[in-house]
Each structure stands twice: as structure tokens, then as C-alpha cells.
Amino acid sequence: MTLIEIEAAYLRTQERGRLATVAPGGAPQNKPVGFTYNAELGTIDVYGMNMENSAKYRNVMSNPEVAFVVDDVFGEGSEGVRFLEIRGRAETAVGDTPDDDGHLSRHFIRIHPRRITGWNILADRPGFYTRDARAD
């Protein structure tokens, strides 16, 4: 398991994140995406409609370095904000569509976490933290 349980639990409460990729010419791209945490592989799997024709998919094929962010606001001030940023290497993959009605593409992006940064995710240590992901 790459993420610790509290990080994985936080991701399970969220439906969307933002995936930052780099285009072949060096320009950044940041898009909202649907995702799942694959606990068996310790990866973030990013799905979408027509994924294989998207710029983010092509960007990952050209430059696999990505950043993925999930955040939410649940209260006032900085104490009421949480986020988890996962930096890592991504790959393009093909598998079964994760939705029952087949609207999502079988093509997806799989992120292998390397560096994790969070804000107010750890209950026993509120505020900012950062750590290297455990390589299995």
C-alpha cells in the first residue's frame, strides 16, 4: 500500500480531483478528473470519457511526470480546508471500464505515487505534511 489508510480513506470520500500534466512543448495542463484509488496496486487510476483522445492522455505518453490534487472545504479559515497532492509517474493503460453503463473509456491513466503532500489530512497532526511514498 503506497498511501497510508487515512489518505486512502480521504480519497474514498471524494469524487473528483485535478490532474496536472505537461504537454510536449512544456506547457502545463490541469484538468478536473474522476478517479479511483487502486489499493491492490497502490495507484491512482484516472478515468474519463474518450480518454484515449484527450490531451492529458497524450501528455502522459510524452512526459509521465504528473501531479494529482484532491481538496475540499468543510469549515471556516485554513482549519476548514483539506488537500492531498500526489506527485508521481503516470502511464497509460487499457482495462475494463469502471462504470456499469459503459460511458467511460477502457483507456485510463495510472499514477504511481512518489511524493505525497497533505493539509489537515492527519487527525493527530493538523496542518501541512509531506512524505515520500513507500515503494513496494
Protein backbone atom coordinates (compact mmCIF):
# COMPACT_ATOMS: atom_id res chain seq x y z
CA MET A 1 0.00 0.00 0.00
CA THR A 2 1.51 3.29 -1.13
CA LEU A 3 -0.91 5.56 0.73
CA ILE A 4 -1.46 5.29 4.44
CA GLU A 5 -5.00 4.35 5.45
CA ILE A 6 -6.10 7.87 6.40
CA GLU A 7 -5.00 9.17 2.98
CA ALA A 8 -6.83 6.35 1.20
CA ALA A 9 -9.91 6.97 3.36
CA TYR A 10 -9.87 10.66 2.43
CA LEU A 11 -9.71 9.81 -1.28
CA ARG A 12 -12.70 7.47 -0.88
CA THR A 13 -14.78 10.47 0.30
CA GLN A 14 -14.02 12.49 -2.84
CA GLU A 15 -15.36 12.08 -6.37
CA ARG A 16 -13.08 14.42 -8.32
CA GLY A 17 -9.51 15.56 -8.41
CA ARG A 18 -7.33 17.65 -10.70
CA LEU A 19 -4.61 16.13 -12.82
CA ALA A 20 -1.68 18.30 -13.91
CA THR A 21 0.33 17.10 -16.90
CA VAL A 22 2.95 18.66 -19.15
CA ALA A 23 2.41 18.98 -22.91
CA PRO A 24 5.23 18.04 -25.31
CA GLY A 25 6.10 21.73 -25.76
CA GLY A 26 6.40 22.22 -21.98
CA ALA A 27 3.06 23.94 -21.33
CA PRO A 28 1.21 22.78 -18.20
CA GLN A 29 -2.33 21.42 -18.35
CA ASN A 30 -4.59 20.98 -15.31
CA LYS A 31 -7.99 19.30 -15.67
CA PRO A 32 -10.71 18.02 -13.32
CA VAL A 33 -10.95 14.22 -13.48
CA GLY A 34 -12.72 11.25 -11.97
CA PHE A 35 -10.51 8.71 -10.21
CA THR A 36 -10.28 5.65 -8.01
CA TYR A 37 -7.57 4.56 -5.59
CA ASN A 38 -6.37 1.10 -6.54
CA ALA A 39 -5.34 -0.23 -3.13
CA GLU A 40 -4.06 -3.50 -4.57
CA LEU A 41 -1.52 -1.70 -6.77
CA GLY A 42 -1.14 1.46 -4.67
CA THR A 43 -2.02 3.64 -7.66
CA ILE A 44 -4.45 6.40 -8.57
CA ASP A 45 -6.43 5.40 -11.66
CA VAL A 46 -7.89 8.30 -13.66
CA TYR A 47 -10.84 7.55 -15.92
CA GLY A 48 -12.91 9.59 -18.37
CA MET A 49 -14.99 9.60 -21.50
CA ASN A 50 -12.94 9.28 -24.69
CA MET A 51 -9.77 9.29 -22.57
CA GLU A 52 -7.54 7.93 -25.35
CA ASN A 53 -8.18 11.06 -27.43
CA SER A 54 -7.57 13.56 -24.62
CA ALA A 55 -4.62 15.93 -24.30
CA LYS A 56 -3.85 14.63 -20.80
CA TYR A 57 -3.54 11.08 -22.15
CA ARG A 58 -1.19 12.23 -24.93
CA ASN A 59 0.75 14.36 -22.43
CA VAL A 60 1.38 11.36 -20.18
CA MET A 61 2.63 9.38 -23.17
CA SER A 62 5.12 12.18 -23.85
CA ASN A 63 6.06 13.11 -20.27
CA PRO A 64 4.97 10.78 -17.44
CA GLU A 65 5.61 13.26 -14.59
CA VAL A 66 2.26 14.36 -13.10
CA ALA A 67 0.68 15.93 -10.04
CA PHE A 68 -2.78 14.98 -8.80
CA VAL A 69 -4.71 17.05 -6.23
CA VAL A 70 -7.90 16.38 -4.29
CA ASP A 71 -9.23 19.04 -1.92
CA ASP A 72 -12.34 20.14 -0.09
CA VAL A 73 -13.60 22.87 2.22
CA PHE A 74 -15.53 21.72 5.29
CA GLY A 75 -15.27 24.72 7.62
CA GLU A 76 -14.01 28.26 8.15
CA GLY A 77 -10.47 29.50 7.55
CA SER A 78 -7.44 27.36 6.90
CA GLU A 79 -8.57 24.90 9.59
CA GLY A 80 -11.57 24.07 7.40
CA VAL A 81 -9.61 23.13 4.29
CA ARG A 82 -8.05 19.78 3.38
CA PHE A 83 -5.98 18.68 0.42
CA LEU A 84 -3.89 15.78 -0.72
CA GLU A 85 -1.34 16.24 -3.52
CA ILE A 86 0.20 13.17 -5.09
CA ARG A 87 3.18 13.58 -7.40
CA GLY A 88 4.45 10.67 -9.38
CA ARG A 89 4.94 8.93 -12.67
CA ALA A 90 1.96 8.05 -14.80
CA GLU A 91 1.36 5.52 -17.51
CA THR A 92 -1.43 4.96 -20.00
CA ALA A 93 -3.32 1.70 -19.67
CA VAL A 94 -6.30 -0.21 -21.02
CA GLY A 95 -8.64 -2.30 -18.91
CA ASP A 96 -12.28 -2.87 -18.16
CA THR A 97 -14.49 0.20 -17.99
CA PRO A 98 -15.15 1.05 -14.32
CA ASP A 99 -18.79 2.06 -14.83
CA ASP A 100 -21.74 -0.27 -15.34
CA ASP A 101 -23.25 1.62 -18.28
CA GLY A 102 -20.04 1.79 -20.32
CA HIS A 103 -19.83 5.58 -20.68
CA LEU A 104 -16.22 5.71 -19.54
CA SER A 105 -13.38 4.72 -21.82
CA ARG A 106 -11.46 1.49 -21.26
CA HIS A 107 -8.32 3.64 -21.59
CA PHE A 108 -7.11 5.31 -18.39
CA ILE A 109 -4.13 6.93 -16.71
CA ARG A 110 -2.46 5.13 -13.81
CA ILE A 111 -0.41 7.25 -11.39
CA HIS A 112 2.36 5.64 -9.33
CA PRO A 113 2.83 7.95 -6.30
CA ARG A 114 6.30 9.11 -5.33
CA ARG A 115 5.70 12.19 -3.16
CA ILE A 116 2.64 12.96 -1.03
CA THR A 117 1.76 16.32 0.48
CA GLY A 118 -1.26 16.97 2.63
CA TRP A 119 -3.02 19.65 4.62
CA ASN A 120 -5.28 18.74 7.56
CA ILE A 121 -5.47 15.09 6.48
CA LEU A 122 -3.78 13.59 9.56
CA ALA A 123 -6.12 13.88 12.54
CA ASP A 124 -3.28 13.66 15.08
CA ARG A 125 -1.20 16.26 13.23
CA PRO A 126 -3.27 19.01 11.63
CA GLY A 127 -1.66 21.32 9.11
CA PHE A 128 0.94 20.64 6.45
CA TYR A 129 2.95 17.46 5.98
CA THR A 130 4.93 15.85 3.20
CA ARG A 131 6.43 12.41 2.76
CA ASP A 132 7.87 10.08 0.18
CA ALA A 133 5.56 7.29 -0.92
CA ARG A 134 6.70 3.84 0.06
CA ALA A 135 7.94 1.91 -2.95
CA ASP A 136 6.63 -1.66 -2.93
